[in-house]
PDB file of all heavy atoms in Angstrom:
ATOM      1  N   SER A   1     332.008  43.087  52.654  1.00  0.00           N
ATOM      2  CA  SER A   1     332.465  42.425  51.438  1.00  0.00           C
ATOM      3  C   SER A   1     331.449  42.707  50.341  1.00  0.00           C
ATOM      4  O   SER A   1     330.324  43.128  50.617  1.00  0.00           O
ATOM      5  CB  SER A   1     332.605  40.910  51.657  1.00  0.00           C
ATOM      6  OG  SER A   1     331.337  40.353  51.948  1.00  0.00           O
ATOM      7  N   GLY A   2     331.862  42.501  49.105  1.00  0.00           N
ATOM      8  CA  GLY A   2     330.925  42.736  48.012  1.00  0.00           C
ATOM      9  C   GLY A   2     331.602  42.594  46.668  1.00  0.00           C
ATOM     10  O   GLY A   2     332.817  42.423  46.576  1.00  0.00           O
ATOM     11  N   THR A   3     330.788  42.666  45.623  1.00  0.00           N
ATOM     12  CA  THR A   3     331.298  42.603  44.258  1.00  0.00           C
ATOM     13  C   THR A   3     331.550  44.025  43.779  1.00  0.00           C
ATOM     14  O   THR A   3     330.647  44.860  43.777  1.00  0.00           O
ATOM     15  CB  THR A   3     330.288  41.897  43.328  1.00  0.00           C
ATOM     16  OG1 THR A   3     330.082  40.573  43.815  1.00  0.00           O
ATOM     17  CG2 THR A   3     330.807  41.831  41.899  1.00  0.00           C
ATOM     18  N   ILE A   4     332.798  44.306  43.396  1.00  0.00           N
ATOM     19  CA  ILE A   4     333.173  45.640  42.931  1.00  0.00           C
ATOM     20  C   ILE A   4     332.827  45.791  41.458  1.00  0.00           C
ATOM     21  O   ILE A   4     332.231  46.774  41.039  1.00  0.00           O
ATOM     22  CB  ILE A   4     334.706  45.844  43.050  1.00  0.00           C
ATOM     23  CG1 ILE A   4     335.154  45.667  44.481  1.00  0.00           C
ATOM     24  CG2 ILE A   4     335.120  47.202  42.502  1.00  0.00           C
ATOM     25  CD1 ILE A   4     336.655  45.603  44.623  1.00  0.00           C
ATOM     26  N   PHE A   5     333.224  44.780  40.658  1.00  0.00           N
ATOM     27  CA  PHE A   5     333.202  44.920  39.200  1.00  0.00           C
ATOM     28  C   PHE A   5     332.702  43.623  38.586  1.00  0.00           C
ATOM     29  O   PHE A   5     333.057  42.542  39.025  1.00  0.00           O
ATOM     30  CB  PHE A   5     334.632  45.206  38.717  1.00  0.00           C
ATOM     31  CG  PHE A   5     334.771  45.366  37.224  1.00  0.00           C
ATOM     32  CD1 PHE A   5     334.663  46.611  36.621  1.00  0.00           C
ATOM     33  CD2 PHE A   5     335.009  44.262  36.415  1.00  0.00           C
ATOM     34  CE1 PHE A   5     334.789  46.755  35.246  1.00  0.00           C
ATOM     35  CE2 PHE A   5     335.140  44.385  35.037  1.00  0.00           C
ATOM     36  CZ  PHE A   5     335.025  45.644  34.457  1.00  0.00           C
ATOM     37  N   ARG A   6     331.862  43.758  37.546  1.00  0.00           N
ATOM     38  CA  ARG A   6     331.404  42.585  36.795  1.00  0.00           C
ATOM     39  C   ARG A   6     331.402  42.923  35.315  1.00  0.00           C
ATOM     40  O   ARG A   6     330.899  43.962  34.910  1.00  0.00           O
ATOM     41  CB  ARG A   6     329.998  42.171  37.245  1.00  0.00           C
ATOM     42  CG  ARG A   6     329.451  40.958  36.485  1.00  0.00           C
ATOM     43  CD  ARG A   6     328.083  40.566  37.032  1.00  0.00           C
ATOM     44  NE  ARG A   6     327.453  39.583  36.157  1.00  0.00           N
ATOM     45  CZ  ARG A   6     327.617  38.268  36.265  1.00  0.00           C
ATOM     46  NH1 ARG A   6     328.385  37.777  37.212  1.00  0.00           N
ATOM     47  NH2 ARG A   6     326.999  37.448  35.436  1.00  0.00           N
ATOM     48  N   ARG A   7     332.005  42.047  34.523  1.00  0.00           N
ATOM     49  CA  ARG A   7     331.971  42.178  33.061  1.00  0.00           C
ATOM     50  C   ARG A   7     331.260  40.947  32.518  1.00  0.00           C
ATOM     51  O   ARG A   7     331.643  39.825  32.818  1.00  0.00           O
ATOM     52  CB  ARG A   7     333.395  42.269  32.499  1.00  0.00           C
ATOM     53  CG  ARG A   7     333.445  42.263  30.969  1.00  0.00           C
ATOM     54  CD  ARG A   7     334.872  42.454  30.460  1.00  0.00           C
ATOM     55  NE  ARG A   7     335.305  43.837  30.687  1.00  0.00           N
ATOM     56  CZ  ARG A   7     336.572  44.246  30.598  1.00  0.00           C
ATOM     57  NH1 ARG A   7     337.532  43.388  30.308  1.00  0.00           N
ATOM     58  NH2 ARG A   7     336.882  45.514  30.798  1.00  0.00           N
ATOM     59  N   ASP A   8     330.205  41.196  31.728  1.00  0.00           N
ATOM     60  CA  ASP A   8     329.481  40.079  31.114  1.00  0.00           C
ATOM     61  C   ASP A   8     329.003  40.518  29.733  1.00  0.00           C
ATOM     62  O   ASP A   8     329.459  41.555  29.222  1.00  0.00           O
ATOM     63  CB  ASP A   8     328.314  39.611  32.005  1.00  0.00           C
ATOM     64  CG  ASP A   8     327.342  40.751  32.347  1.00  0.00           C
ATOM     65  OD1 ASP A   8     327.225  41.704  31.541  1.00  0.00           O
ATOM     66  OD2 ASP A   8     326.699  40.679  33.398  1.00  0.00           O
ATOM     67  N   GLY A   9     328.106  39.773  29.152  1.00  0.00           N
ATOM     68  CA  GLY A   9     327.623  40.079  27.797  1.00  0.00           C
ATOM     69  C   GLY A   9     326.985  41.450  27.674  1.00  0.00           C
ATOM     70  O   GLY A   9     326.923  42.019  26.584  1.00  0.00           O
ATOM     71  N   SER A  10     326.521  42.025  28.778  1.00  0.00           N
ATOM     72  CA  SER A  10     325.866  43.335  28.709  1.00  0.00           C
ATOM     73  C   SER A  10     326.830  44.490  28.986  1.00  0.00           C
ATOM     74  O   SER A  10     326.411  45.635  29.021  1.00  0.00           O
ATOM     75  CB  SER A  10     324.686  43.383  29.690  1.00  0.00           C
ATOM     76  OG  SER A  10     325.155  43.327  31.019  1.00  0.00           O
ATOM     77  N   GLY A  11     328.119  44.175  29.232  1.00  0.00           N
ATOM     78  CA  GLY A  11     329.098  45.257  29.423  1.00  0.00           C
ATOM     79  C   GLY A  11     329.774  45.198  30.778  1.00  0.00           C
ATOM     80  O   GLY A  11     329.774  44.170  31.449  1.00  0.00           O
ATOM     81  N   ASP A  12     330.344  46.348  31.166  1.00  0.00           N
ATOM     82  CA  ASP A  12     331.058  46.471  32.439  1.00  0.00           C
ATOM     83  C   ASP A  12     330.153  47.155  33.461  1.00  0.00           C
ATOM     84  O   ASP A  12     329.492  48.147  33.148  1.00  0.00           O
ATOM     85  CB  ASP A  12     332.329  47.323  32.270  1.00  0.00           C
ATOM     86  CG  ASP A  12     333.404  46.603  31.465  1.00  0.00           C
ATOM     87  OD1 ASP A  12     333.174  45.436  31.066  1.00  0.00           O
ATOM     88  OD2 ASP A  12     334.465  47.209  31.238  1.00  0.00           O
ATOM     89  N   HIS A  13     330.160  46.633  34.683  1.00  0.00           N
ATOM     90  CA  HIS A  13     329.308  47.179  35.745  1.00  0.00           C
ATOM     91  C   HIS A  13     330.135  47.355  37.014  1.00  0.00           C
ATOM     92  O   HIS A  13     330.789  46.414  37.443  1.00  0.00           O
ATOM     93  CB  HIS A  13     328.132  46.241  36.034  1.00  0.00           C
ATOM     94  CG  HIS A  13     327.407  45.824  34.783  1.00  0.00           C
ATOM     95  ND1 HIS A  13     326.488  46.628  34.153  1.00  0.00           N
ATOM     96  CD2 HIS A  13     327.520  44.702  34.025  1.00  0.00           C
ATOM     97  CE1 HIS A  13     326.047  46.009  33.065  1.00  0.00           C
ATOM     98  NE2 HIS A  13     326.660  44.844  32.960  1.00  0.00           N
ATOM     99  N   ILE A  14     330.093  48.566  37.603  1.00  0.00           N
ATOM    100  CA  ILE A  14     330.744  48.812  38.889  1.00  0.00           C
ATOM    101  C   ILE A  14     329.632  48.823  39.928  1.00  0.00           C
ATOM    102  O   ILE A  14     328.739  49.670  39.896  1.00  0.00           O
ATOM    103  CB  ILE A  14     331.538  50.131  38.870  1.00  0.00           C
ATOM    104  CG1 ILE A  14     332.671  50.001  37.845  1.00  0.00           C
ATOM    105  CG2 ILE A  14     332.109  50.437  40.251  1.00  0.00           C
ATOM    106  CD1 ILE A  14     333.350  51.286  37.485  1.00  0.00           C
ATOM    107  N   LEU A  15     329.680  47.853  40.842  1.00  0.00           N
ATOM    108  CA  LEU A  15     328.537  47.597  41.719  1.00  0.00           C
ATOM    109  C   LEU A  15     328.666  48.217  43.110  1.00  0.00           C
ATOM    110  O   LEU A  15     327.657  48.420  43.774  1.00  0.00           O
ATOM    111  CB  LEU A  15     328.317  46.084  41.840  1.00  0.00           C
ATOM    112  CG  LEU A  15     328.129  45.384  40.480  1.00  0.00           C
ATOM    113  CD1 LEU A  15     328.156  43.877  40.626  1.00  0.00           C
ATOM    114  CD2 LEU A  15     326.836  45.827  39.828  1.00  0.00           C
ATOM    115  N   LEU A  16     329.877  48.509  43.563  1.00  0.00           N
ATOM    116  CA  LEU A  16     330.030  49.141  44.882  1.00  0.00           C
ATOM    117  C   LEU A  16     330.280  50.632  44.685  1.00  0.00           C
ATOM    118  O   LEU A  16     331.233  51.023  44.011  1.00  0.00           O
ATOM    119  CB  LEU A  16     331.194  48.524  45.666  1.00  0.00           C
ATOM    120  CG  LEU A  16     330.981  47.116  46.238  1.00  0.00           C
ATOM    121  CD1 LEU A  16     332.226  46.633  46.975  1.00  0.00           C
ATOM    122  CD2 LEU A  16     329.784  47.086  47.181  1.00  0.00           C
ATOM    123  N   SER A  17     329.430  51.455  45.304  1.00  0.00           N
ATOM    124  CA  SER A  17     329.477  52.898  45.033  1.00  0.00           C
ATOM    125  C   SER A  17     330.818  53.527  45.395  1.00  0.00           C
ATOM    126  O   SER A  17     331.253  54.461  44.729  1.00  0.00           O
ATOM    127  CB  SER A  17     328.343  53.616  45.768  1.00  0.00           C
ATOM    128  OG  SER A  17     328.467  53.397  47.158  1.00  0.00           O
ATOM    129  N   GLU A  18     331.509  53.011  46.441  1.00  0.00           N
ATOM    130  CA  GLU A  18     332.783  53.652  46.826  1.00  0.00           C
ATOM    131  C   GLU A  18     333.882  53.447  45.784  1.00  0.00           C
ATOM    132  O   GLU A  18     334.933  54.063  45.865  1.00  0.00           O
ATOM    133  CB  GLU A  18     333.252  53.199  48.214  1.00  0.00           C
ATOM    134  CG  GLU A  18     333.609  51.738  48.325  1.00  0.00           C
ATOM    135  CD  GLU A  18     332.492  50.878  48.910  1.00  0.00           C
ATOM    136  OE1 GLU A  18     331.307  51.188  48.664  1.00  0.00           O
ATOM    137  OE2 GLU A  18     332.810  49.915  49.612  1.00  0.00           O
ATOM    138  N   TYR A  19     333.635  52.586  44.810  1.00  0.00           N
ATOM    139  CA  TYR A  19     334.617  52.361  43.739  1.00  0.00           C
ATOM    140  C   TYR A  19     334.211  53.029  42.417  1.00  0.00           C
ATOM    141  O   TYR A  19     334.957  52.976  41.454  1.00  0.00           O
ATOM    142  CB  TYR A  19     334.815  50.860  43.497  1.00  0.00           C
ATOM    143  CG  TYR A  19     335.543  50.171  44.629  1.00  0.00           C
ATOM    144  CD1 TYR A  19     334.846  49.539  45.646  1.00  0.00           C
ATOM    145  CD2 TYR A  19     336.935  50.166  44.686  1.00  0.00           C
ATOM    146  CE1 TYR A  19     335.512  48.913  46.693  1.00  0.00           C
ATOM    147  CE2 TYR A  19     337.612  49.547  45.725  1.00  0.00           C
ATOM    148  CZ  TYR A  19     336.888  48.923  46.727  1.00  0.00           C
ATOM    149  OH  TYR A  19     337.552  48.302  47.755  1.00  0.00           O
ATOM    150  N   ARG A  20     333.025  53.673  42.372  1.00  0.00           N
ATOM    151  CA  ARG A  20     332.582  54.322  41.127  1.00  0.00           C
ATOM    152  C   ARG A  20     333.587  55.374  40.702  1.00  0.00           C
ATOM    153  O   ARG A  20     334.108  56.108  41.535  1.00  0.00           O
ATOM    154  CB  ARG A  20     331.215  54.994  41.329  1.00  0.00           C
ATOM    155  CG  ARG A  20     330.122  53.984  41.538  1.00  0.00           C
ATOM    156  CD  ARG A  20     329.054  54.002  40.456  1.00  0.00           C
ATOM    157  NE  ARG A  20     328.318  52.736  40.504  1.00  0.00           N
ATOM    158  CZ  ARG A  20     327.285  52.512  41.324  1.00  0.00           C
ATOM    159  NH1 ARG A  20     326.860  53.461  42.123  1.00  0.00           N
ATOM    160  NH2 ARG A  20     326.683  51.338  41.308  1.00  0.00           N
ATOM    161  N   ASN A  21     333.881  55.427  39.412  1.00  0.00           N
ATOM    162  CA  ASN A  21     334.853  56.365  38.824  1.00  0.00           C
ATOM    163  C   ASN A  21     336.270  56.140  39.350  1.00  0.00           C
ATOM    164  O   ASN A  21     337.133  56.980  39.156  1.00  0.00           O
ATOM    165  CB  ASN A  21     334.450  57.831  39.082  1.00  0.00           C
ATOM    166  CG  ASN A  21     333.075  58.126  38.541  1.00  0.00           C
ATOM    167  OD1 ASN A  21     332.714  57.668  37.470  1.00  0.00           O
ATOM    168  ND2 ASN A  21     332.294  58.867  39.301  1.00  0.00           N
ATOM    169  N   ARG A  22     336.504  55.001  40.038  1.00  0.00           N
ATOM    170  CA  ARG A  22     337.855  54.750  40.564  1.00  0.00           C
ATOM    171  C   ARG A  22     338.425  53.410  40.109  1.00  0.00           C
ATOM    172  O   ARG A  22     339.577  53.124  40.407  1.00  0.00           O
ATOM    173  CB  ARG A  22     337.852  54.778  42.100  1.00  0.00           C
ATOM    174  CG  ARG A  22     337.725  56.145  42.700  1.00  0.00           C
ATOM    175  CD  ARG A  22     338.264  56.215  44.119  1.00  0.00           C
ATOM    176  NE  ARG A  22     337.721  55.197  45.004  1.00  0.00           N
ATOM    177  CZ  ARG A  22     338.474  54.341  45.696  1.00  0.00           C
ATOM    178  NH1 ARG A  22     339.778  54.358  45.613  1.00  0.00           N
ATOM    179  NH2 ARG A  22     337.903  53.458  46.492  1.00  0.00           N
ATOM    180  N   VAL A  23     337.621  52.566  39.449  1.00  0.00           N
ATOM    181  CA  VAL A  23     338.161  51.272  39.007  1.00  0.00           C
ATOM    182  C   VAL A  23     337.926  51.062  37.519  1.00  0.00           C
ATOM    183  O   VAL A  23     336.957  51.551  36.948  1.00  0.00           O
ATOM    184  CB  VAL A  23     337.568  50.061  39.786  1.00  0.00           C
ATOM    185  CG1 VAL A  23     337.945  50.116  41.243  1.00  0.00           C
ATOM    186  CG2 VAL A  23     336.080  49.951  39.595  1.00  0.00           C
ATOM    187  N   GLU A  24     338.856  50.320  36.905  1.00  0.00           N
ATOM    188  CA  GLU A  24     338.697  49.940  35.501  1.00  0.00           C
ATOM    189  C   GLU A  24     339.489  48.657  35.255  1.00  0.00           C
ATOM    190  O   GLU A  24     340.424  48.327  35.980  1.00  0.00           O
ATOM    191  CB  GLU A  24     339.157  51.060  34.567  1.00  0.00           C
ATOM    192  CG  GLU A  24     340.538  51.576  34.844  1.00  0.00           C
ATOM    193  CD  GLU A  24     340.849  52.877  34.125  1.00  0.00           C
ATOM    194  OE1 GLU A  24     339.972  53.754  34.024  1.00  0.00           O
ATOM    195  OE2 GLU A  24     341.999  53.019  33.661  1.00  0.00           O
ATOM    196  N   VAL A  25     339.072  47.930  34.234  1.00  0.00           N
ATOM    197  CA  VAL A  25     339.742  46.705  33.803  1.00  0.00           C
ATOM    198  C   VAL A  25     340.029  46.894  32.312  1.00  0.00           C
ATOM    199  O   VAL A  25     339.154  47.359  31.573  1.00  0.00           O
ATOM    200  CB  VAL A  25     338.837  45.467  34.033  1.00  0.00           C
ATOM    201  CG1 VAL A  25     339.467  44.211  33.442  1.00  0.00           C
ATOM    202  CG2 VAL A  25     338.574  45.277  35.519  1.00  0.00           C
ATOM    203  N   PRO A  26     341.266  46.572  31.855  1.00  0.00           N
ATOM    204  CA  PRO A  26     341.578  46.746  30.423  1.00  0.00           C
ATOM    205  C   PRO A  26     340.519  46.078  29.549  1.00  0.00           C
ATOM    206  O   PRO A  26     340.047  44.998  29.885  1.00  0.00           O
ATOM    207  CB  PRO A  26     342.938  46.059  30.260  1.00  0.00           C
ATOM    208  CG  PRO A  26     343.510  45.960  31.624  1.00  0.00           C
ATOM    209  CD  PRO A  26     342.367  45.948  32.594  1.00  0.00           C
ATOM    210  N   LYS A  27     340.176  46.762  28.443  1.00  0.00           N
ATOM    211  CA  LYS A  27     339.104  46.238  27.588  1.00  0.00           C
ATOM    212  C   LYS A  27     339.613  45.319  26.485  1.00  0.00           C
ATOM    213  O   LYS A  27     339.066  44.257  26.263  1.00  0.00           O
ATOM    214  CB  LYS A  27     338.346  47.410  26.953  1.00  0.00           C
ATOM    215  CG  LYS A  27     337.229  47.935  27.838  1.00  0.00           C
ATOM    216  CD  LYS A  27     336.072  48.392  26.968  1.00  0.00           C
ATOM    217  CE  LYS A  27     334.768  48.559  27.717  1.00  0.00           C
ATOM    218  NZ  LYS A  27     334.812  49.269  28.961  1.00  0.00           N
ATOM    219  N   ASN A  28     340.646  45.726  25.777  1.00  0.00           N
ATOM    220  CA  ASN A  28     341.008  44.987  24.561  1.00  0.00           C
ATOM    221  C   ASN A  28     342.303  44.214  24.689  1.00  0.00           C
ATOM    222  O   ASN A  28     343.004  43.995  23.726  1.00  0.00           O
ATOM    223  CB  ASN A  28     341.104  45.962  23.382  1.00  0.00           C
ATOM    224  CG  ASN A  28     339.800  46.721  23.201  1.00  0.00           C
ATOM    225  OD1 ASN A  28     338.736  46.130  23.298  1.00  0.00           O
ATOM    226  ND2 ASN A  28     339.880  48.013  22.982  1.00  0.00           N
ATOM    227  N   SER A  29     342.620  43.811  25.921  1.00  0.00           N
ATOM    228  CA  SER A  29     343.877  43.119  26.152  1.00  0.00           C
ATOM    229  C   SER A  29     343.538  41.666  26.505  1.00  0.00           C
ATOM    230  O   SER A  29     343.256  41.356  27.651  1.00  0.00           O
ATOM    231  CB  SER A  29     344.591  43.834  27.297  1.00  0.00           C
ATOM    232  OG  SER A  29     345.848  43.288  27.512  1.00  0.00           O
ATOM    233  N   MET A  30     343.521  40.792  25.507  1.00  0.00           N
ATOM    234  CA  MET A  30     343.096  39.405  25.709  1.00  0.00           C
ATOM    235  C   MET A  30     343.871  38.735  26.839  1.00  0.00           C
ATOM    236  O   MET A  30     345.098  38.735  26.830  1.00  0.00           O
ATOM    237  CB  MET A  30     343.300  38.598  24.419  1.00  0.00           C
ATOM    238  CG  MET A  30     342.238  38.845  23.358  1.00  0.00           C
ATOM    239  SD  MET A  30     340.586  38.444  23.941  1.00  0.00           S
ATOM    240  CE  MET A  30     340.664  36.665  23.928  1.00  0.00           C
ATOM    241  N   GLY A  31     343.149  38.203  27.807  1.00  0.00           N
ATOM    242  CA  GLY A  31     343.784  37.484  28.901  1.00  0.00           C
ATOM    243  C   GLY A  31     344.199  38.355  30.073  1.00  0.00           C
ATOM    244  O   GLY A  31     344.502  37.853  31.137  1.00  0.00           O
ATOM    245  N   ASN A  32     344.205  39.693  29.891  1.00  0.00           N
ATOM    246  CA  ASN A  32     344.559  40.591  30.986  1.00  0.00           C
ATOM    247  C   ASN A  32     343.273  41.145  31.587  1.00  0.00           C
ATOM    248  O   ASN A  32     342.585  41.943  30.969  1.00  0.00           O
ATOM    249  CB  ASN A  32     345.456  41.728  30.492  1.00  0.00           C
ATOM    250  CG  ASN A  32     345.832  42.691  31.610  1.00  0.00           C
ATOM    251  OD1 ASN A  32     345.484  42.511  32.768  1.00  0.00           O
ATOM    252  ND2 ASN A  32     346.552  43.737  31.248  1.00  0.00           N
ATOM    253  N   VAL A  33     342.946  40.697  32.803  1.00  0.00           N
ATOM    254  CA  VAL A  33     341.717  41.149  33.470  1.00  0.00           C
ATOM    255  C   VAL A  33     342.064  41.826  34.807  1.00  0.00           C
ATOM    256  O   VAL A  33     341.313  41.762  35.769  1.00  0.00           O
ATOM    257  CB  VAL A  33     340.710  39.979  33.655  1.00  0.00           C
ATOM    258  CG1 VAL A  33     340.107  39.593  32.314  1.00  0.00           C
ATOM    259  CG2 VAL A  33     341.369  38.775  34.312  1.00  0.00           C
ATOM    260  N   SER A  34     343.246  42.480  34.831  1.00  0.00           N
ATOM    261  CA  SER A  34     343.730  43.144  36.041  1.00  0.00           C
ATOM    262  C   SER A  34     342.807  44.301  36.427  1.00  0.00           C
ATOM    263  O   SER A  34     342.241  44.978  35.565  1.00  0.00           O
ATOM    264  CB  SER A  34     345.143  43.670  35.820  1.00  0.00           C
ATOM    265  OG  SER A  34     346.013  42.625  35.445  1.00  0.00           O
ATOM    266  N   LEU A  35     342.685  44.526  37.733  1.00  0.00           N
ATOM    267  CA  LEU A  35     341.854  45.608  38.258  1.00  0.00           C
ATOM    268  C   LEU A  35     342.737  46.810  38.557  1.00  0.00           C
ATOM    269  O   LEU A  35     343.702  46.712  39.315  1.00  0.00           O
ATOM    270  CB  LEU A  35     341.141  45.157  39.541  1.00  0.00           C
ATOM    271  CG  LEU A  35     340.156  46.152  40.158  1.00  0.00           C
ATOM    272  CD1 LEU A  35     338.905  46.292  39.277  1.00  0.00           C
ATOM    273  CD2 LEU A  35     339.763  45.719  41.561  1.00  0.00           C
ATOM    274  N   HIS A  36     342.419  47.948  37.934  1.00  0.00           N
ATOM    275  CA  HIS A  36     343.142  49.203  38.184  1.00  0.00           C
ATOM    276  C   HIS A  36     342.299  50.018  39.167  1.00  0.00           C
ATOM    277  O   HIS A  36     341.139  50.297  38.886  1.00  0.00           O
ATOM    278  CB  HIS A  36     343.314  50.001  36.893  1.00  0.00           C
ATOM    279  CG  HIS A  36     344.152  49.302  35.858  1.00  0.00           C
ATOM    280  ND1 HIS A  36     345.215  49.891  35.250  1.00  0.00           N
ATOM    281  CD2 HIS A  36     344.082  48.055  35.336  1.00  0.00           C
ATOM    282  CE1 HIS A  36     345.771  49.052  34.390  1.00  0.00           C
ATOM    283  NE2 HIS A  36     345.098  47.930  34.433  1.00  0.00           N
ATOM    284  N   ILE A  37     342.901  50.389  40.304  1.00  0.00           N
ATOM    285  CA  ILE A  37     342.201  51.226  41.283  1.00  0.00           C
ATOM    286  C   ILE A  37     342.904  52.581  41.307  1.00  0.00           C
ATOM    287  O   ILE A  37     344.104  52.661  41.558  1.00  0.00           O
ATOM    288  CB  ILE A  37     342.214  50.611  42.702  1.00  0.00           C
ATOM    289  CG1 ILE A  37     341.660  49.186  42.688  1.00  0.00           C
ATOM    290  CG2 ILE A  37     341.411  51.485  43.666  1.00  0.00           C
ATOM    291  CD1 ILE A  37     341.732  48.481  44.037  1.00  0.00           C
ATOM    292  N   LEU A  38     342.134  53.645  41.029  1.00  0.00           N
ATOM    293  CA  LEU A  38     342.683  54.996  41.011  1.00  0.00           C
ATOM    294  C   LEU A  38     342.485  55.633  42.387  1.00  0.00           C
ATOM    295  O   LEU A  38     341.547  55.307  43.105  1.00  0.00           O
ATOM    296  CB  LEU A  38     341.973  55.840  39.945  1.00  0.00           C
ATOM    297  CG  LEU A  38     341.681  55.148  38.605  1.00  0.00           C
ATOM    298  CD1 LEU A  38     340.837  56.044  37.710  1.00  0.00           C
ATOM    299  CD2 LEU A  38     342.963  54.775  37.903  1.00  0.00           C
ATOM    300  N   LYS A  39     343.357  56.552  42.739  1.00  0.00           N
ATOM    301  CA  LYS A  39     343.246  57.315  43.997  1.00  0.00           C
ATOM    302  C   LYS A  39     342.983  56.383  45.174  1.00  0.00           C
ATOM    303  O   LYS A  39     341.959  56.466  45.852  1.00  0.00           O
ATOM    304  CB  LYS A  39     342.149  58.375  43.891  1.00  0.00           C
ATOM    305  CG  LYS A  39     342.413  59.430  42.847  1.00  0.00           C
ATOM    306  CD  LYS A  39     341.388  60.563  42.955  1.00  0.00           C
ATOM    307  CE  LYS A  39     341.588  61.594  41.892  1.00  0.00           C
ATOM    308  NZ  LYS A  39     340.807  61.350  40.673  1.00  0.00           N
ATOM    309  N   LEU A  40     343.926  55.486  45.420  1.00  0.00           N
ATOM    310  CA  LEU A  40     343.797  54.470  46.462  1.00  0.00           C
ATOM    311  C   LEU A  40     343.511  55.099  47.820  1.00  0.00           C
ATOM    312  O   LEU A  40     344.161  56.073  48.205  1.00  0.00           O
ATOM    313  CB  LEU A  40     345.110  53.674  46.517  1.00  0.00           C
ATOM    314  CG  LEU A  40     345.060  52.253  47.033  1.00  0.00           C
ATOM    315  CD1 LEU A  40     344.116  51.401  46.203  1.00  0.00           C
ATOM    316  CD2 LEU A  40     346.450  51.646  47.009  1.00  0.00           C
ATOM    317  N   GLU A  41     342.529  54.565  48.524  1.00  0.00           N
ATOM    318  CA  GLU A  41     342.180  55.015  49.875  1.00  0.00           C
ATOM    319  C   GLU A  41     342.691  54.001  50.890  1.00  0.00           C
ATOM    320  O   GLU A  41     342.820  52.821  50.575  1.00  0.00           O
ATOM    321  CB  GLU A  41     340.656  55.170  50.018  1.00  0.00           C
ATOM    322  CG  GLU A  41     340.042  56.238  49.127  1.00  0.00           C
ATOM    323  CD  GLU A  41     340.472  57.646  49.499  1.00  0.00           C
ATOM    324  OE1 GLU A  41     340.984  57.857  50.624  1.00  0.00           O
ATOM    325  OE2 GLU A  41     340.304  58.551  48.672  1.00  0.00           O
ATOM    326  N   ILE A  42     342.940  54.447  52.123  1.00  0.00           N
ATOM    327  CA  ILE A  42     343.366  53.527  53.185  1.00  0.00           C
ATOM    328  C   ILE A  42     342.319  52.422  53.353  1.00  0.00           C
ATOM    329  O   ILE A  42     342.642  51.260  53.568  1.00  0.00           O
ATOM    330  CB  ILE A  42     343.580  54.299  54.517  1.00  0.00           C
ATOM    331  CG1 ILE A  42     344.687  55.355  54.361  1.00  0.00           C
ATOM    332  CG2 ILE A  42     343.883  53.337  55.654  1.00  0.00           C
ATOM    333  CD1 ILE A  42     346.087  54.822  54.140  1.00  0.00           C
ATOM    334  N   SER A  43     341.042  52.794  53.228  1.00  0.00           N
ATOM    335  CA  SER A  43     339.952  51.826  53.412  1.00  0.00           C
ATOM    336  C   SER A  43     339.879  50.772  52.295  1.00  0.00           C
ATOM    337  O   SER A  43     339.107  49.822  52.400  1.00  0.00           O
ATOM    338  CB  SER A  43     338.613  52.569  53.502  1.00  0.00           C
ATOM    339  OG  SER A  43     338.411  53.328  52.319  1.00  0.00           O
ATOM    340  N   ASP A  44     340.669  50.936  51.227  1.00  0.00           N
ATOM    341  CA  ASP A  44     340.656  49.946  50.137  1.00  0.00           C
ATOM    342  C   ASP A  44     341.409  48.671  50.507  1.00  0.00           C
ATOM    343  O   ASP A  44     341.344  47.687  49.775  1.00  0.00           O
ATOM    344  CB  ASP A  44     341.273  50.534  48.852  1.00  0.00           C
ATOM    345  CG  ASP A  44     340.387  51.603  48.214  1.00  0.00           C
ATOM    346  OD1 ASP A  44     339.172  51.613  48.502  1.00  0.00           O
ATOM    347  OD2 ASP A  44     340.911  52.414  47.440  1.00  0.00           O
TER     348      ASP A  44
END
């Protein structure tokens, strides 16, 4: 288990290496904090 993504006053941070370059959260969509995972793996 672990923290994949954190957004705070210092910006967006992807903390688990297996998700680097594969996850994003919309930036300018107020109230929408959905997680987009690209190239889904079975292990996800």
